[in-house]
N, C-alpha and C. Protein backbone atom coordinates (compact mmCIF):
# COMPACT_ATOMS: atom_id res chain seq x y z
N MET A 1 107.55 44.64 123.69
CA MET A 1 106.35 44.48 123.79
C MET A 1 106.02 43.10 123.72
N LEU A 2 105.10 42.29 124.95
CA LEU A 2 105.09 40.67 124.45
C LEU A 2 103.71 40.75 124.30
N ASN A 3 103.23 39.76 122.12
CA ASN A 3 101.63 40.01 121.71
C ASN A 3 100.87 38.33 121.86
N THR A 4 100.89 39.06 122.10
CA THR A 4 99.27 37.55 123.67
C THR A 4 98.71 37.73 122.32
N PHE A 5 98.33 36.03 123.19
CA PHE A 5 97.18 34.77 122.14
C PHE A 5 96.28 34.52 122.76
N LEU A 6 95.16 34.78 123.42
CA LEU A 6 94.50 34.02 123.81
C LEU A 6 93.38 33.53 123.07
N HIS A 7 93.66 32.01 123.59
CA HIS A 7 92.68 31.29 122.20
C HIS A 7 91.15 30.12 124.16
N ILE A 8 90.50 31.78 123.47
CA ILE A 8 89.20 31.14 123.58
C ILE A 8 88.83 29.81 124.13
N GLY A 9 88.84 28.96 123.63
CA GLY A 9 89.04 27.42 123.49
C GLY A 9 87.37 27.03 123.38
N SER A 10 86.24 27.47 122.51
CA SER A 10 84.83 27.23 123.41
C SER A 10 84.76 26.23 123.89
N HIS A 11 83.69 25.74 124.60
CA HIS A 11 83.69 24.03 124.53
C HIS A 11 83.38 23.41 123.25
N LYS A 12 83.69 22.06 123.66
CA LYS A 12 83.34 20.75 122.60
C LYS A 12 83.66 21.31 121.02
N THR A 13 84.86 21.66 120.79
CA THR A 13 85.22 21.94 119.23
C THR A 13 86.31 21.56 119.47
N GLY A 14 86.73 21.20 120.40
CA GLY A 14 88.45 20.37 119.83
C GLY A 14 89.51 20.31 121.01
N THR A 15 89.55 21.53 122.21
CA THR A 15 90.47 22.66 122.50
C THR A 15 90.97 21.41 123.28
N LYS A 16 90.68 20.67 123.85
CA LYS A 16 91.75 19.74 124.40
C LYS A 16 92.65 18.83 123.63
N PHE A 17 92.41 19.25 122.09
CA PHE A 17 93.76 18.14 121.48
C PHE A 17 94.77 19.71 121.04
N PHE A 18 94.30 20.89 120.70
CA PHE A 18 95.69 21.15 120.90
C PHE A 18 96.31 22.53 122.18
N GLN A 19 95.34 22.02 122.83
CA GLN A 19 96.13 22.08 123.83
C GLN A 19 97.03 20.67 124.86
N HIS A 20 97.23 19.94 124.25
CA HIS A 20 97.19 18.55 124.43
C HIS A 20 98.88 18.26 123.84
N LYS A 21 98.11 18.28 122.67
CA LYS A 21 98.87 17.93 120.86
C LYS A 21 99.68 19.11 120.30
N HIS A 22 99.37 20.66 120.14
CA HIS A 22 100.05 20.45 119.20
C HIS A 22 100.99 22.48 119.24
N PHE A 23 99.94 23.72 120.69
CA PHE A 23 100.79 24.17 121.25
C PHE A 23 102.12 23.67 121.78
N PRO A 24 101.56 22.81 123.14
CA PRO A 24 103.07 22.74 123.58
C PRO A 24 104.43 22.17 123.27
N ASN A 25 103.96 21.71 121.41
CA ASN A 25 104.87 21.07 120.95
C ASN A 25 105.68 22.20 119.76
N ILE A 26 105.11 23.88 120.09
CA ILE A 26 105.69 25.02 119.55
C ILE A 26 107.36 25.50 119.92
N LYS A 27 107.83 24.50 118.83
CA LYS A 27 109.15 25.73 119.35
C LYS A 27 109.69 26.79 119.56
N LYS A 28 109.98 27.10 119.59
CA LYS A 28 110.58 28.68 119.22
C LYS A 28 110.68 29.40 119.85
N LYS A 29 111.86 30.23 120.48
CA LYS A 29 112.84 30.91 121.07
C LYS A 29 112.34 31.84 121.73
N GLY A 30 111.47 32.62 122.57
CA GLY A 30 110.73 33.68 123.15
C GLY A 30 109.65 33.46 122.96
N PHE A 31 108.98 32.01 123.08
CA PHE A 31 107.13 31.45 123.14
C PHE A 31 107.29 31.11 124.36
N ILE A 32 106.05 31.66 125.22
CA ILE A 32 105.54 30.31 125.96
C ILE A 32 104.22 30.48 125.93
N TYR A 33 103.15 29.25 126.21
CA TYR A 33 102.80 28.73 126.49
C TYR A 33 101.79 28.47 128.03
N ASN A 34 101.17 29.00 127.92
CA ASN A 34 99.86 28.96 129.56
C ASN A 34 100.65 28.80 130.31
N PRO A 35 101.54 30.10 130.96
CA PRO A 35 102.80 29.52 131.68
C PRO A 35 101.54 28.81 134.03
N ASP A 36 101.26 28.38 134.25
CA ASP A 36 100.76 27.83 135.43
C ASP A 36 100.79 29.38 136.14
N ASP A 37 101.18 30.37 136.94
CA ASP A 37 101.00 31.57 137.88
C ASP A 37 99.91 32.22 136.27
N LEU A 38 100.67 32.57 134.90
CA LEU A 38 99.12 33.44 134.80
C LEU A 38 97.34 32.52 134.26
N SER A 39 97.47 31.58 133.99
CA SER A 39 96.66 30.51 133.60
C SER A 39 96.19 30.64 135.12
N GLN A 40 96.77 30.22 136.53
CA GLN A 40 95.85 31.14 137.31
C GLN A 40 95.36 31.79 137.74
N LEU A 41 96.50 33.40 137.37
CA LEU A 41 95.47 34.61 137.36
C LEU A 41 94.24 35.26 136.31
N VAL A 42 94.23 34.22 134.72
CA VAL A 42 93.40 34.00 133.85
C VAL A 42 92.51 33.58 134.82
N LEU A 43 91.89 32.32 134.98
CA LEU A 43 90.86 31.53 136.10
C LEU A 43 90.11 32.29 136.59
N ASP A 44 91.51 33.21 137.63
CA ASP A 44 89.84 33.68 138.56
C ASP A 44 89.50 35.56 138.08
N LEU A 45 90.47 35.89 137.30
CA LEU A 45 90.13 37.39 137.02
C LEU A 45 88.28 36.40 135.95
N MET A 46 87.96 35.47 135.74
CA MET A 46 87.11 35.47 134.34
C MET A 46 86.08 34.54 135.53
N LYS A 47 86.05 34.21 136.45
CA LYS A 47 85.30 34.19 137.77
C LYS A 47 85.13 35.83 139.28
N ALA A 48 85.79 37.11 138.82
CA ALA A 48 85.99 37.66 139.90
C ALA A 48 85.06 38.94 139.28
N ASP A 49 84.49 39.38 140.71
CA ASP A 49 82.86 40.50 140.23
C ASP A 49 84.30 41.38 139.89
N GLU A 50 83.06 42.46 139.96
CA GLU A 50 84.07 43.92 139.36
C GLU A 50 84.73 45.11 140.30
N LYS A 51 84.91 44.02 142.00
CA LYS A 51 85.91 45.16 142.46
C LYS A 51 87.41 44.37 142.34
N ASP A 52 87.50 43.05 142.99
CA ASP A 52 88.28 42.18 142.29
C ASP A 52 88.90 41.66 140.57
N SER A 53 88.14 41.77 140.12
CA SER A 53 88.98 42.30 138.40
C SER A 53 89.78 42.87 138.88
N ILE A 54 89.64 44.12 138.40
CA ILE A 54 90.89 45.10 139.23
C ILE A 54 92.14 45.31 139.67
N GLU A 55 92.13 44.07 140.67
CA GLU A 55 93.00 43.59 141.62
C GLU A 55 93.80 42.65 140.52
N VAL A 56 93.09 41.78 140.08
CA VAL A 56 93.15 41.68 139.53
C VAL A 56 94.32 41.14 137.58
N ILE A 57 93.74 42.01 137.42
CA ILE A 57 94.66 42.90 136.21
C ILE A 57 95.88 43.52 136.33
N SER A 58 95.75 44.11 137.64
CA SER A 58 97.33 44.20 137.42
C SER A 58 97.84 43.30 138.11
N LEU A 59 97.21 42.15 138.53
CA LEU A 59 98.69 41.02 139.19
C LEU A 59 98.96 40.58 137.71
N ILE A 60 97.82 40.94 136.58
CA ILE A 60 98.01 40.14 135.87
C ILE A 60 99.74 41.29 134.69
N GLN A 61 99.16 41.94 134.73
CA GLN A 61 100.11 42.90 133.65
C GLN A 61 101.24 43.07 134.09
N LYS A 62 101.56 42.81 135.69
CA LYS A 62 102.56 42.62 136.06
C LYS A 62 103.75 41.01 135.59
N LYS A 63 102.82 40.18 135.79
CA LYS A 63 103.18 38.76 135.07
C LYS A 63 104.60 39.12 134.12
N ILE A 64 102.68 39.18 133.20
CA ILE A 64 103.40 39.88 131.26
C ILE A 64 104.42 40.56 131.66
N SER A 65 105.19 41.86 132.37
CA SER A 65 105.69 42.35 132.71
C SER A 65 107.56 41.22 132.81
N HIS A 66 107.05 40.77 133.40
CA HIS A 66 108.38 40.06 134.45
C HIS A 66 108.93 39.52 132.66
N TYR A 67 107.86 38.00 132.41
CA TYR A 67 107.37 38.33 131.58
C TYR A 67 108.77 38.83 130.07
N GLU A 68 108.05 39.94 130.19
CA GLU A 68 108.55 40.13 129.03
C GLU A 68 110.06 40.64 129.41
N LYS A 69 110.79 40.92 130.56
CA LYS A 69 111.92 41.13 131.14
C LYS A 69 112.90 40.23 131.16
N LYS A 70 112.48 38.80 131.12
CA LYS A 70 112.82 37.77 130.57
C LYS A 70 112.96 36.82 129.22
N GLY A 71 113.04 37.93 128.60
CA GLY A 71 113.34 38.16 127.04
C GLY A 71 112.19 37.49 126.58
N TYR A 72 111.12 37.29 127.00
CA TYR A 72 109.10 36.25 125.74
C TYR A 72 109.40 37.25 125.44
N LYS A 73 108.78 36.79 124.27
CA LYS A 73 108.16 37.27 122.35
C LYS A 73 107.06 37.11 122.44
N GLN A 74 106.74 36.43 123.02
CA GLN A 74 105.28 35.84 122.69
C GLN A 74 104.18 34.81 123.83
N LEU A 75 103.06 35.40 124.45
CA LEU A 75 102.10 34.74 125.04
C LEU A 75 101.23 33.18 124.62
N LEU A 76 101.13 32.22 124.38
CA LEU A 76 99.82 31.63 124.59
C LEU A 76 98.87 31.50 125.51
N ILE A 77 98.70 31.81 126.06
CA ILE A 77 96.52 30.82 126.23
C ILE A 77 95.96 30.32 126.41
N SER A 78 95.07 29.12 126.43
CA SER A 78 94.08 27.63 125.73
C SER A 78 94.08 27.80 127.05
N LYS A 79 92.17 28.25 126.99
CA LYS A 79 91.97 27.63 128.28
C LYS A 79 90.39 27.74 127.78
N GLU A 80 89.78 26.97 128.14
CA GLU A 80 87.89 27.47 127.77
C GLU A 80 86.97 27.95 128.84
N ILE A 81 88.29 28.26 129.81
CA ILE A 81 87.31 29.36 131.00
C ILE A 81 86.99 30.38 130.35
N MET A 82 87.57 30.31 129.65
CA MET A 82 87.94 32.31 128.50
C MET A 82 86.58 32.32 128.62
N SER A 83 85.81 31.15 128.05
CA SER A 83 84.03 31.45 126.79
C SER A 83 83.57 31.05 127.89
N GLY A 84 83.42 30.96 129.59
CA GLY A 84 82.55 30.38 130.50
C GLY A 84 82.27 29.05 130.61
N ASP A 85 81.63 29.25 131.59
CA ASP A 85 81.50 28.07 132.20
C ASP A 85 80.31 26.69 130.72
N LEU A 86 80.40 25.80 130.73
CA LEU A 86 79.66 24.60 130.13
C LEU A 86 78.42 24.58 129.29
N PHE A 87 78.02 24.30 130.93
CA PHE A 87 76.16 24.57 131.19
C PHE A 87 75.79 25.94 131.42
N SER A 88 76.52 26.84 132.10
CA SER A 88 75.50 27.83 132.38
C SER A 88 76.12 28.79 132.02
N PHE A 89 77.64 28.81 131.81
CA PHE A 89 78.55 30.20 130.98
C PHE A 89 78.76 31.24 132.53
N TYR A 90 78.64 31.01 133.62
CA TYR A 90 78.14 31.80 135.02
C TYR A 90 77.66 33.10 134.96
N GLU A 91 76.16 32.23 134.25
CA GLU A 91 75.18 33.75 134.01
C GLU A 91 74.92 33.73 135.58
N SER A 92 75.15 32.42 136.58
CA SER A 92 74.66 32.85 137.38
C SER A 92 75.10 33.39 139.16
N LYS A 93 76.76 33.61 138.30
CA LYS A 93 77.26 34.92 138.69
C LYS A 93 77.10 36.13 138.38
N GLY A 94 76.83 37.06 137.23
CA GLY A 94 77.03 37.92 136.31
C GLY A 94 77.89 37.52 135.34
N TYR A 95 77.80 36.86 135.14
CA TYR A 95 79.41 36.30 133.65
C TYR A 95 78.07 37.56 132.33
N SER A 96 78.71 37.58 132.11
CA SER A 96 78.46 37.58 130.07
C SER A 96 79.50 37.34 129.52
N SER A 97 79.63 36.69 128.64
CA SER A 97 81.12 36.62 126.81
C SER A 97 81.30 38.08 127.02
N SER A 98 80.25 39.38 127.49
CA SER A 98 80.90 40.63 126.84
C SER A 98 82.64 41.23 127.13
N ASN A 99 81.91 41.09 129.01
CA ASN A 99 82.47 41.44 130.06
C ASN A 99 83.69 40.73 130.40
N GLY A 100 83.31 39.42 130.17
CA GLY A 100 84.71 38.63 130.32
C GLY A 100 85.98 38.95 129.12
N PHE A 101 84.93 39.49 128.43
CA PHE A 101 86.25 39.96 126.67
C PHE A 101 86.69 41.17 127.39
N LYS A 102 85.93 41.52 127.92
CA LYS A 102 86.56 43.36 127.90
C LYS A 102 87.12 43.39 129.84
N LYS A 103 86.73 41.97 130.46
CA LYS A 103 88.37 42.43 131.80
C LYS A 103 89.24 41.48 130.44
N LEU A 104 89.40 40.76 130.10
CA LEU A 104 90.82 40.37 128.98
C LEU A 104 91.13 40.95 128.62
N ASN A 105 90.40 42.21 127.71
CA ASN A 105 90.84 43.53 127.33
C ASN A 105 91.87 44.09 127.86
N LYS A 106 91.46 44.49 128.65
CA LYS A 106 92.12 45.29 130.17
C LYS A 106 93.48 44.90 130.80
N ALA A 107 94.01 43.21 131.01
CA ALA A 107 94.55 42.87 131.10
C ALA A 107 96.08 42.58 130.24
N PHE A 108 94.86 41.77 129.76
CA PHE A 108 96.33 41.60 128.63
C PHE A 108 96.74 42.74 127.36
N LYS A 109 96.36 44.45 126.69
CA LYS A 109 95.89 44.89 126.22
C LYS A 109 95.68 44.72 124.78
N ASN A 110 94.40 44.63 124.65
CA ASN A 110 94.37 43.73 123.44
C ASN A 110 94.87 42.87 122.94
N PRO A 111 94.98 42.07 123.12
CA PRO A 111 95.19 40.63 122.80
C PRO A 111 94.50 40.14 121.48
N GLU A 112 95.53 40.01 120.57
CA GLU A 112 94.53 38.04 119.94
C GLU A 112 93.76 38.24 119.77
N ILE A 113 92.90 37.94 119.68
CA ILE A 113 91.56 36.67 120.66
C ILE A 113 91.55 35.10 119.08
């Protein structure tokens, strides 16, 4: 099973420092950080409406399975978008942080946040 860690990265809290200086330098066998394909799906999920989020969650779970088969044991995703847009938190699109967290929990099956 792939242990998943989601660094929500609230805006204006030094997230970019961790993303550029710390997380990429973690050298651990079986560890993967912000893979491009999965990172894009997380972005899609956070902006998806209810109907589309079901499809995106399915794609995320397929990618996770792919990484498990490749031998990865730990996954770290660090994206500010998981905490919403800096100014409106996507409220105009019906986004709420609790709704976003519920989608993330479904997609990653109880990640560490």
